Protein backbone atom coordinates (compact mmCIF):
# COMPACT_ATOMS: atom_id res chain seq x y z
CA MET A 1 -56.79 -41.01 -45.42
CA ILE A 2 -54.45 -39.95 -48.24
CA LEU A 3 -51.49 -39.89 -45.84
CA ARG A 4 -52.46 -43.36 -44.64
CA TYR A 5 -52.41 -44.53 -48.25
CA ILE A 6 -49.09 -42.82 -49.06
CA TYR A 7 -47.26 -44.22 -46.05
CA GLY A 8 -49.06 -47.50 -45.57
CA GLY A 9 -50.26 -48.41 -49.03
CA ARG A 10 -53.61 -49.50 -47.58
CA LEU A 11 -57.02 -48.12 -48.25
CA SER A 12 -60.43 -48.85 -46.72
CA LEU A 13 -63.24 -46.91 -48.36
CA GLU A 14 -66.28 -48.59 -46.83
CA GLU A 15 -66.22 -46.30 -43.80
CA TYR A 16 -66.48 -43.12 -45.90
CA ASP A 17 -69.53 -41.40 -47.34
CA THR A 18 -69.61 -41.31 -51.13
CA SER A 19 -69.44 -37.52 -51.16
CA ASP A 20 -66.25 -37.73 -49.08
CA ILE A 21 -64.75 -40.21 -51.54
CA ILE A 22 -65.40 -37.68 -54.31
CA LYS A 23 -63.50 -35.07 -52.30
CA ILE A 24 -60.65 -37.52 -51.76
CA LEU A 25 -60.58 -38.19 -55.50
CA VAL A 26 -60.22 -34.48 -56.25
CA ALA A 27 -57.47 -34.15 -53.64
CA SER A 28 -55.67 -37.16 -55.10
CA SER A 29 -55.68 -35.49 -58.48
CA GLU A 30 -54.17 -32.33 -57.04
CA LEU A 31 -51.38 -34.49 -55.60
CA SER A 32 -51.00 -36.44 -58.89
CA LEU A 33 -51.59 -39.80 -57.17
CA GLN A 34 -52.55 -41.61 -60.36
CA GLU A 35 -52.77 -45.08 -58.84
CA LEU A 36 -55.13 -43.82 -56.14
CA ILE A 37 -57.18 -41.89 -58.72
CA THR A 38 -57.74 -45.06 -60.71
CA HIS A 39 -58.59 -47.08 -57.61
CA LEU A 40 -61.11 -44.52 -56.36
CA GLN A 41 -62.86 -44.29 -59.72
CA LEU A 42 -63.19 -48.06 -59.97
CA PHE A 43 -64.51 -48.27 -56.41
CA LEU A 44 -67.17 -45.67 -57.15
CA ILE A 45 -68.27 -47.33 -60.38
CA GLU A 46 -68.37 -50.83 -58.89
CA ASN A 47 -69.90 -49.98 -55.51
CA LYS A 48 -71.64 -46.61 -55.70
CA LYS A 49 -73.39 -46.74 -59.05
CA ASN A 50 -76.86 -45.97 -57.70
CA TRP A 51 -75.60 -43.03 -55.67
CA MET A 52 -73.82 -41.59 -58.70
CA GLU A 53 -76.94 -41.96 -60.84
CA GLN A 54 -78.95 -40.04 -58.26
CA ASN A 55 -76.23 -37.39 -58.00
CA PHE A 56 -75.37 -37.27 -61.67
CA ASN A 57 -74.83 -33.53 -61.82
CA LEU A 58 -72.03 -33.69 -59.23
CA ILE A 59 -70.38 -36.66 -60.93
CA TYR A 60 -70.66 -35.07 -64.37
CA LYS A 61 -69.16 -31.75 -63.27
CA THR A 62 -66.40 -33.45 -61.28
CA SER A 63 -65.39 -35.91 -63.99
CA PHE A 64 -65.22 -33.43 -66.86
CA ALA A 65 -63.42 -30.82 -64.79
CA ASN A 66 -60.37 -33.07 -64.65
CA ASP A 67 -58.73 -34.94 -67.53
CA SER A 68 -57.53 -37.61 -65.08
CA PHE A 69 -61.04 -38.86 -64.34
CA LEU A 70 -61.47 -40.73 -67.61
CA LYS A 71 -63.28 -43.70 -66.07
CA LEU A 72 -65.89 -41.44 -64.51
CA GLN A 73 -66.23 -39.60 -67.81
CA ASP A 74 -66.89 -42.94 -69.50
CA PHE A 75 -69.45 -43.76 -66.81
CA CYS A 76 -71.32 -40.51 -67.48
CA THR A 77 -71.19 -40.93 -71.25
CA GLU A 78 -72.45 -44.51 -71.06
CA LEU A 79 -75.29 -43.59 -68.71
CA ILE A 80 -76.40 -40.78 -71.02
CA SER A 81 -76.20 -43.13 -74.00
CA LYS A 82 -77.84 -46.25 -72.60
CA GLU A 83 -80.00 -45.25 -69.64
CA PRO A 84 -80.87 -41.55 -69.85
CA GLU A 85 -84.18 -42.16 -68.09
CA LYS A 86 -82.25 -42.81 -64.88
CA ILE A 87 -81.00 -39.24 -65.02
CA PHE A 88 -84.40 -37.79 -65.91
CA ASP A 89 -86.09 -39.77 -63.13
CA SER A 90 -83.49 -39.11 -60.45
CA ILE A 91 -84.53 -37.13 -57.39
CA ASN A 92 -81.84 -34.57 -58.18
CA PHE A 93 -82.79 -34.06 -61.83
CA ILE A 94 -83.74 -30.41 -61.34
CA SER A 95 -80.31 -29.73 -59.83
CA LEU A 96 -78.62 -30.51 -63.15
CA SER A 97 -76.63 -27.59 -64.49
CA GLU A 98 -77.67 -26.00 -67.76
CA LYS A 99 -74.52 -27.30 -69.48
CA CYS A 100 -75.12 -30.82 -68.24
CA LEU A 101 -78.74 -30.87 -69.39
CA ILE A 102 -77.84 -29.44 -72.80
CA SER A 103 -75.23 -32.16 -73.21
CA LEU A 104 -77.78 -34.76 -72.15
CA ILE A 105 -80.54 -33.77 -74.58
CA GLN A 106 -78.16 -33.68 -77.53
CA HIS A 107 -77.56 -37.41 -77.39
CA ASP A 108 -79.01 -39.42 -80.28
CA ASN A 109 -80.93 -41.85 -78.05
CA ILE A 110 -82.72 -38.98 -76.36
CA GLN A 111 -83.30 -36.96 -79.54
CA LYS A 112 -85.45 -39.82 -80.86
CA ASN A 113 -88.18 -38.91 -78.36
CA VAL A 114 -88.69 -35.19 -78.88
CA ILE A 115 -91.73 -34.86 -76.65
CA GLN A 116 -89.76 -36.43 -73.78
CA VAL A 117 -86.96 -33.93 -74.35
CA TRP A 118 -89.42 -31.01 -74.28
CA GLU A 119 -91.25 -32.24 -71.18
CA HIS A 120 -88.05 -32.72 -69.19
CA VAL A 121 -86.55 -29.41 -70.28
CA LEU A 122 -89.84 -27.71 -69.38
CA LYS A 123 -89.92 -29.48 -66.01
CA TRP A 124 -86.36 -28.31 -65.33
CA GLY A 125 -87.12 -24.73 -66.36
CA ILE A 126 -90.25 -24.47 -64.23
CA ALA A 127 -88.43 -25.95 -61.23
CA LYS A 128 -85.76 -23.26 -61.60
CA ASN A 129 -88.51 -20.66 -61.19
CA PRO A 130 -90.69 -21.87 -58.29
CA GLY A 131 -92.81 -18.72 -58.38
CA LEU A 132 -94.41 -19.67 -61.71
CA PRO A 133 -98.08 -20.78 -61.64
CA SER A 134 -98.73 -24.47 -62.24
CA ASP A 135 -101.12 -23.71 -65.11
CA PRO A 136 -99.62 -21.84 -68.10
CA SER A 137 -103.02 -20.26 -68.81
CA ASN A 138 -102.44 -18.23 -65.64
CA TYR A 139 -99.01 -16.98 -66.72
CA SER A 140 -98.49 -13.26 -66.90
CA ARG A 141 -96.32 -11.64 -69.56
CA ASP A 142 -93.45 -11.50 -67.08
CA ASP A 143 -93.90 -15.20 -66.25
CA PHE A 144 -93.45 -16.14 -69.90
CA ILE A 145 -90.40 -13.88 -70.18
CA THR A 146 -88.88 -15.52 -67.10
CA LEU A 147 -89.40 -19.02 -68.45
CA LYS A 148 -88.22 -17.99 -71.93
CA ASN A 149 -84.97 -16.64 -70.52
CA THR A 150 -84.44 -19.87 -68.59
CA LEU A 151 -85.03 -22.13 -71.60
CA GLN A 152 -83.53 -20.09 -74.43
CA GLN A 153 -80.29 -22.12 -74.61
CA PHE A 154 -82.24 -25.39 -74.98
CA ILE A 155 -84.60 -24.42 -77.81
CA PRO A 156 -82.05 -24.90 -80.67
CA PHE A 157 -81.50 -28.51 -79.55
CA ILE A 158 -85.17 -29.56 -79.58
CA ASN A 159 -86.45 -30.89 -82.91
CA PHE A 160 -89.98 -29.48 -82.63
CA PHE A 161 -90.70 -30.31 -86.27
CA ASN A 162 -90.57 -34.01 -85.37
CA LEU A 163 -93.62 -33.66 -83.13
CA THR A 164 -97.07 -34.73 -84.23
CA SER A 165 -99.76 -32.06 -84.45
CA LYS A 166 -101.39 -33.43 -81.30
CA GLU A 167 -98.12 -33.41 -79.36
CA TYR A 168 -97.42 -29.85 -80.42
CA LEU A 169 -100.91 -28.56 -79.60
CA ASP A 170 -101.18 -30.43 -76.29
CA LYS A 171 -97.68 -30.04 -74.90
CA VAL A 172 -95.93 -27.12 -76.60
CA TYR A 173 -98.59 -24.64 -77.72
CA PRO A 174 -99.62 -23.68 -74.15
CA TYR A 175 -96.03 -22.44 -73.70
CA LYS A 176 -95.71 -20.98 -77.19
CA LYS A 177 -94.53 -17.60 -75.93
CA VAL A 178 -91.23 -19.07 -74.72
CA ILE A 179 -90.37 -20.05 -78.31
CA PRO A 180 -88.87 -17.46 -80.71
CA LYS A 181 -91.56 -15.88 -82.89
CA ASP A 182 -90.21 -17.04 -86.27
CA LEU A 183 -89.87 -20.64 -85.07
CA ARG A 184 -93.32 -20.48 -83.49
CA GLU A 185 -94.94 -19.35 -86.75
CA ASN A 186 -93.19 -22.06 -88.75
CA LEU A 187 -94.28 -24.69 -86.25
CA ILE A 188 -97.91 -23.61 -86.51
CA ILE A 189 -97.76 -23.85 -90.31
CA HIS A 190 -96.04 -27.22 -90.07
CA SER A 191 -98.64 -28.48 -87.61
CA ILE A 192 -101.52 -27.41 -89.86
CA ASP A 193 -99.91 -28.93 -92.95
CA GLN A 194 -99.39 -32.37 -91.42
CA PRO A 195 -101.66 -35.00 -93.04
CA LYS A 196 -104.40 -36.00 -90.61
CA ASN A 197 -104.15 -39.64 -91.61
CA ASN A 198 -100.41 -39.71 -91.01
CA PRO A 199 -99.70 -38.06 -87.68
CA GLU A 200 -96.37 -39.75 -87.13
CA PRO A 201 -93.37 -37.44 -86.94
CA LYS A 202 -90.77 -37.34 -89.62
CA ILE A 203 -87.74 -39.43 -88.84
CA ILE A 204 -84.38 -37.95 -89.68
CA THR A 205 -82.21 -40.86 -90.67
CA LYS A 206 -78.47 -41.22 -90.63
CA GLU A 207 -78.56 -41.47 -94.41
CA THR A 208 -79.99 -37.96 -94.59
CA SER A 209 -77.54 -36.56 -92.08
CA SER A 210 -74.62 -38.07 -93.97
CA LYS A 211 -75.61 -36.25 -97.18
CA SER A 212 -76.14 -32.79 -95.75
CA ILE A 213 -74.73 -30.45 -93.15
CA ASP A 214 -76.38 -27.54 -91.39
CA SER A 215 -73.73 -24.97 -92.24
CA LYS A 216 -73.56 -21.52 -93.78
CA ILE A 217 -69.82 -21.88 -94.36
CA ILE A 218 -68.92 -25.37 -95.58
CA THR A 219 -70.52 -28.15 -97.62
CA ILE A 220 -70.83 -31.88 -97.07
CA LYS A 221 -67.67 -32.30 -99.19
CA HIS A 222 -65.68 -30.32 -96.64
CA ALA A 223 -67.22 -32.40 -93.85
CA LYS A 224 -66.19 -35.66 -95.51
CA LEU A 225 -62.62 -34.41 -95.96
CA ILE A 226 -62.45 -33.27 -92.33
CA SER A 227 -63.74 -36.72 -91.33
CA LYS A 228 -60.79 -38.26 -93.15
CA TRP A 229 -58.41 -35.95 -91.31
CA ILE A 230 -59.89 -37.06 -88.00
CA ASP A 231 -59.08 -40.65 -88.98
CA ARG A 232 -55.63 -39.57 -90.28
CA LEU A 233 -56.44 -40.52 -93.86
CA GLU A 234 -55.26 -38.91 -97.07
CA ILE A 235 -57.74 -37.13 -99.34
CA THR A 236 -57.64 -40.03 -101.81
CA ASN A 237 -58.28 -42.72 -99.18
CA LYS A 238 -61.69 -44.26 -98.64
CA MET A 239 -63.47 -43.16 -95.48
CA LYS A 240 -63.16 -45.53 -92.52
CA ASN A 241 -65.94 -44.04 -90.41
CA SER A 242 -69.06 -41.98 -90.94
CA TYR A 243 -69.43 -38.91 -88.73
CA GLU A 244 -72.40 -36.69 -88.02
CA PHE A 245 -71.63 -32.97 -87.77
CA LYS A 246 -74.09 -31.66 -85.18
CA LEU A 247 -74.30 -27.87 -85.09
CA ILE A 248 -74.15 -26.59 -81.50
CA LEU A 249 -73.21 -22.94 -82.04
CA ARG A 250 -73.48 -20.41 -84.84
CA GLY A 251 -72.22 -16.87 -84.43
CA SER A 252 -75.05 -15.17 -86.31
CA ARG A 253 -77.55 -17.09 -84.17
CA ASP A 254 -75.86 -17.29 -80.77
CA GLY A 255 -73.50 -14.33 -80.80
CA PHE A 256 -69.81 -13.64 -81.36
CA SER A 257 -68.52 -13.63 -77.81
CA SER A 258 -66.11 -15.85 -75.94
CA GLN A 259 -68.53 -16.01 -73.01
CA LYS A 260 -71.26 -17.48 -75.21
CA PHE A 261 -68.79 -19.91 -76.76
CA HIS A 262 -67.77 -21.26 -73.36
CA GLU A 263 -71.35 -21.26 -72.10
CA ILE A 264 -72.36 -23.60 -74.91
CA CYS A 265 -69.17 -25.53 -75.63
CA ASP A 266 -67.39 -26.03 -72.30
CA TYR A 267 -67.10 -29.73 -71.44
CA GLN A 268 -68.06 -30.66 -75.00
CA SER A 269 -65.51 -32.90 -76.70
CA HIS A 270 -64.82 -33.81 -80.34
CA THR A 271 -65.70 -30.41 -81.77
CA ILE A 272 -64.83 -28.65 -85.01
CA ALA A 273 -64.64 -24.87 -85.25
CA ILE A 274 -65.39 -23.50 -88.73
CA ILE A 275 -64.56 -19.82 -89.34
CA LYS A 276 -65.39 -17.58 -92.31
CA VAL A 277 -62.84 -14.76 -92.57
CA LYS A 278 -64.42 -11.33 -93.06
CA ASN A 279 -63.92 -9.65 -96.46
CA SER A 280 -62.45 -12.86 -97.85
CA ASN A 281 -63.46 -16.23 -99.29
CA GLU A 282 -61.07 -17.91 -96.86
CA ILE A 283 -62.28 -20.55 -94.41
CA LEU A 284 -60.29 -21.46 -91.30
CA GLY A 285 -60.92 -24.16 -88.75
CA GLY A 286 -59.67 -26.40 -85.99
CA TYR A 287 -60.48 -29.78 -84.44
CA ASN A 288 -60.44 -30.32 -80.68
CA PRO A 289 -60.91 -33.95 -79.58
CA ILE A 290 -60.89 -33.09 -75.86
CA VAL A 291 -63.26 -30.89 -73.86
CA TRP A 292 -63.18 -27.10 -73.87
CA LYS A 293 -62.76 -25.36 -70.51
CA SER A 294 -62.57 -21.84 -69.08
CA ASN A 295 -59.83 -22.42 -66.50
CA ASP A 296 -56.97 -20.49 -68.13
CA THR A 297 -54.93 -23.58 -68.98
CA PHE A 298 -53.69 -25.42 -72.04
CA GLY A 299 -55.30 -28.70 -73.06
CA ALA A 300 -52.95 -31.47 -74.14
CA THR A 301 -53.76 -33.78 -77.04
CA LYS A 302 -51.92 -35.38 -79.93
CA ASP A 303 -54.96 -35.48 -82.21
CA SER A 304 -55.94 -31.84 -82.73
CA PHE A 305 -55.37 -30.03 -86.01
CA ILE A 306 -56.05 -26.69 -87.68
CA PHE A 307 -56.73 -26.06 -91.35
CA SER A 308 -57.73 -23.60 -94.04
CA PHE A 309 -59.57 -23.64 -97.35
CA LYS A 310 -58.89 -20.94 -99.92
CA ASN A 311 -62.59 -20.82 -100.73
CA LYS A 312 -65.81 -22.78 -100.43
CA GLU A 313 -65.84 -24.09 -103.98
CA ASN A 314 -62.53 -25.97 -104.21
CA ILE A 315 -61.96 -28.36 -101.31
CA GLU A 316 -58.64 -29.56 -102.73
CA ASN A 317 -57.09 -26.14 -102.14
CA TYR A 318 -56.44 -26.57 -98.42
CA ILE A 319 -53.70 -26.53 -95.79
CA LEU A 320 -53.80 -29.06 -92.95
CA SER A 321 -51.62 -28.48 -89.89
CA ARG A 322 -51.41 -31.08 -87.12
CA VAL A 323 -50.36 -30.33 -83.58
CA LYS A 324 -46.61 -30.46 -83.00
CA ASN A 325 -46.33 -29.45 -79.34
CA GLU A 326 -49.05 -31.58 -77.74
CA THR A 327 -48.84 -29.84 -74.37
CA TYR A 328 -50.08 -26.56 -75.85
CA ALA A 329 -52.57 -27.92 -78.36
CA ILE A 330 -55.72 -26.24 -77.00
CA VAL A 331 -56.16 -22.89 -75.25
CA ASN A 332 -58.77 -22.83 -72.46
CA ASN A 333 -59.50 -19.22 -71.60
CA LEU A 334 -62.83 -17.54 -70.85
CA GLY A 335 -61.67 -14.43 -72.71
CA LEU A 336 -61.03 -16.34 -75.93
CA GLY A 337 -63.19 -18.20 -78.40
CA PRO A 338 -61.97 -21.50 -79.89
CA SER A 339 -58.17 -21.21 -79.86
CA PHE A 340 -55.29 -23.50 -80.78
CA GLY A 341 -51.61 -23.25 -79.85
CA ASP A 342 -50.04 -19.96 -78.85
CA GLY A 343 -51.78 -17.94 -81.54
CA ASP A 344 -51.68 -20.54 -84.31
CA LEU A 345 -55.43 -19.90 -84.49
CA LYS A 346 -57.06 -17.73 -81.85
CA LEU A 347 -60.47 -16.02 -81.79
CA ARG A 348 -60.50 -12.93 -79.59
CA GLY A 349 -61.73 -9.36 -79.22
CA ASN A 350 -65.15 -7.77 -79.55
CA ASN A 351 -67.08 -9.84 -82.11
CA TYR A 352 -63.77 -11.64 -82.71
CA SER A 353 -62.50 -8.60 -84.60
CA TRP A 354 -58.97 -9.05 -83.20
CA SER A 355 -58.53 -12.70 -84.03
CA VAL A 356 -55.08 -13.90 -84.94
CA CYS A 357 -53.42 -16.62 -86.99
CA ARG A 358 -49.64 -16.99 -87.07
CA TYR A 359 -46.94 -19.64 -87.04
CA THR A 360 -45.59 -20.39 -83.57
CA GLY A 361 -44.26 -23.91 -84.05
CA PHE A 362 -46.95 -25.47 -81.87
CA TYR A 363 -48.63 -26.74 -85.05
CA ASP A 364 -46.54 -28.02 -87.92
CA LYS A 365 -47.66 -25.59 -90.65
CA PHE A 366 -48.87 -22.04 -91.05
CA ILE A 367 -52.39 -22.20 -92.51
CA ARG A 368 -52.65 -18.70 -94.03
CA LYS A 369 -50.67 -16.76 -96.60
CA VAL A 370 -50.62 -13.66 -94.41
CA SER A 371 -49.72 -13.73 -90.72
CA GLY A 372 -51.48 -11.52 -88.21
CA LEU A 373 -54.94 -10.24 -87.34
CA PHE A 374 -58.25 -10.98 -89.03
CA SER A 375 -61.97 -10.48 -88.34
CA VAL A 376 -64.67 -13.12 -88.30
CA GLU A 377 -67.72 -12.87 -90.55
CA GLU A 378 -69.34 -16.08 -89.32
CA TYR A 379 -68.32 -19.08 -87.26
CA GLU A 380 -69.84 -22.42 -86.36
CA ILE A 381 -69.05 -25.14 -83.86
CA PHE A 382 -69.99 -28.72 -84.67
CA GLN A 383 -69.85 -31.71 -82.39
CA ILE A 384 -68.52 -34.73 -84.25
CA ILE A 385 -70.52 -37.87 -83.55
CA LYS A 386 -69.51 -41.25 -84.89
CA ASP A 387 -72.43 -42.92 -86.68
């Protein structure tokens, strides 16, 4: 078919199965046939929407594995944003990958209905372990451990404290052993303390999120300044946009390994890495507007930047360095944590103890006073969401 297109300039897609068109799209990308890539994406979106909704996992993985499939990426993002129930209700829901489902439940529209998030995550986890009994009261200790291991990456993204007492007792408590002990105890106390005449869950508003940030390293003042940098504003300019900083990874909670970083952050876009240097007050960081990957390549973007703060107290004492060589802006390597340029800022080694920051010319400024190795005391990854 591709040869027919190259030599004849004609294309008839009606005779092909949708799965075959996906394969042709991937092959077209490998041959850098941009015009054909665009045509195939538009054909799929305009004519195969229902099929793609039912096979969302395949479309999601395919689109975000290739920077050329921007229209399919937009399709996935819009479906998650506007019609997430189509994904939850699809016949292939349980085939969703862990990364895809984590990305799905983080969306604001879905976070509003916490019990729905829990029920779908639970449904997915049980389906991944078909040997589990249908009634949790019949679970053995090993059954709970199995389910806990399956769901452990989802728990930080479920706002259990927004549940009513009834929702918690009816839907969550029977599976309480899959929840970390400290969280479980706090939830029980929270459930008991809820006023009986006001069972409605607390609503976390945008106003609240704009005045605070869930960080052990930076404050809301840092977040506002970083937001200005994203919009290419000076420190004295008024903010154009309001951004939510959603914590998706914390080293002290999730571990200091590159594997865990990629497990959580791969195919996540618009992320900020915040790094506390060990035995120092120094804070380093970097912004990646495109998705992270583990395919041993460089990611190209003109909008990434790295930065440093001398300490937490004085936000005006900073260095901002924007990407200079766009082709080598982002490093995608399973053996590295969040990394920018050719060592301009790179997290590596056991517990990131051999991390490096130096000037290579890929970013326009050196962000530290001393070039070379450093160790990481704490680090956090935030996804930046426009309010």
